[in-house]
Amino acid sequence: MNSTAEGIGAESGIVLFPNPVNDFLTVTAPANLKARHFVIADVAGRELRRFSLDGVRTAVSMEGLTTGIYLFRVLDFKGNLVDSGTLVKE
């Protein structure tokens, strides 16, 4: 299933797939989007992983994360929130 990111920045054009995910999540973003970081957090909001977004398509490893629901945040170069939502690890 492809999932357009939901949340405050749904109009940002960021797409996550597959969602649910097993090993690797692909994050695509429009070339003109100033997103710099993809953050994975637990449901309590604690940051678990942070990845740099390099270019239009970035592969994010989900290795080592247990099955469950996670939050994600996409941040710009200043740390401002660009998009957010949920993803499922199978």
Protein backbone atom coordinates (compact mmCIF):
# COMPACT_ATOMS: atom_id res chain seq x y z
CA MET A 1 0.00 0.00 0.00
CA ASN A 2 1.32 3.42 -0.84
CA SER A 3 0.65 6.06 1.77
CA THR A 4 0.73 9.78 1.34
CA ALA A 5 1.97 11.26 4.57
CA GLU A 6 -0.86 12.53 6.69
CA GLY A 7 -0.76 15.34 9.20
CA ILE A 8 -0.04 19.02 9.19
CA GLY A 9 1.99 18.89 5.99
CA ALA A 10 -0.02 16.47 3.88
CA GLU A 11 0.12 19.00 1.05
CA SER A 12 3.93 18.67 1.10
CA GLY A 13 3.84 15.81 -1.41
CA ILE A 14 5.89 13.41 0.71
CA VAL A 15 5.03 9.77 0.03
CA LEU A 16 6.04 6.73 2.11
CA PHE A 17 5.93 3.19 0.78
CA PRO A 18 5.34 0.45 1.54
CA ASN A 19 3.24 1.12 4.61
CA PRO A 20 3.06 -1.31 6.41
CA VAL A 21 6.81 -1.85 6.05
CA ASN A 22 9.12 -4.78 6.80
CA ASP A 23 12.79 -3.93 6.17
CA PHE A 24 13.10 -0.71 4.17
CA LEU A 25 10.79 2.26 3.84
CA THR A 26 11.11 4.48 0.78
CA VAL A 27 10.51 8.19 1.33
CA THR A 28 9.93 10.33 -1.75
CA ALA A 29 9.72 14.09 -1.67
CA PRO A 30 9.31 16.75 -4.36
CA ALA A 31 12.65 18.16 -5.52
CA ASN A 32 11.69 21.67 -4.37
CA LEU A 33 10.82 20.58 -0.81
CA LYS A 34 13.34 21.77 1.75
CA ALA A 35 13.09 18.60 3.87
CA ARG A 36 16.38 17.49 5.40
CA HIS A 37 15.62 14.88 8.09
CA PHE A 38 13.27 11.93 8.53
CA VAL A 39 12.71 11.06 12.19
CA ILE A 40 11.13 7.85 13.50
CA ALA A 41 9.68 7.99 17.02
CA ASP A 42 7.78 5.61 19.27
CA VAL A 43 4.15 6.36 20.15
CA ALA A 44 5.32 8.27 23.22
CA GLY A 45 7.21 10.64 20.89
CA ARG A 46 10.73 9.49 21.83
CA GLU A 47 13.08 9.77 18.86
CA LEU A 48 14.43 6.37 17.85
CA ARG A 49 16.10 7.09 14.51
CA ARG A 50 17.05 10.08 12.38
CA PHE A 51 17.97 9.90 8.71
CA SER A 52 19.18 12.53 6.28
CA LEU A 53 16.95 12.96 3.26
CA ASP A 54 19.31 13.00 0.29
CA GLY A 55 17.55 13.86 -2.92
CA VAL A 56 14.08 12.96 -4.08
CA ARG A 57 14.07 9.28 -2.95
CA THR A 58 15.59 7.92 0.26
CA ALA A 59 15.61 4.34 1.61
CA VAL A 60 15.12 4.19 5.38
CA SER A 61 16.12 1.03 7.26
CA MET A 62 13.57 -0.32 9.73
CA GLU A 63 15.98 -3.04 10.88
CA GLY A 64 15.98 -3.57 14.63
CA LEU A 65 12.57 -1.97 15.22
CA THR A 66 9.92 -4.26 16.65
CA THR A 67 6.53 -4.82 15.06
CA GLY A 68 4.18 -1.94 15.87
CA ILE A 69 3.06 1.59 15.14
CA TYR A 70 5.58 4.41 14.89
CA LEU A 71 5.37 8.15 14.39
CA PHE A 72 7.41 9.96 11.78
CA ARG A 73 8.39 13.58 11.37
CA VAL A 74 9.97 15.30 8.39
CA LEU A 75 12.05 18.33 9.34
CA ASP A 76 13.57 21.14 7.30
CA PHE A 77 17.19 22.29 7.64
CA LYS A 78 16.23 24.55 10.60
CA GLY A 79 14.43 21.74 12.44
CA ASN A 80 10.94 23.02 11.61
CA LEU A 81 8.22 20.42 11.05
CA VAL A 82 7.38 19.90 7.37
CA ASP A 83 5.21 16.78 7.67
CA SER A 84 4.24 14.09 10.17
CA GLY A 85 2.19 10.94 10.43
CA THR A 86 2.22 7.27 11.36
CA LEU A 87 3.73 4.15 9.87
CA VAL A 88 3.38 0.48 10.68
CA LYS A 89 6.28 -1.96 11.06
CA GLU A 90 5.32 -5.59 10.36
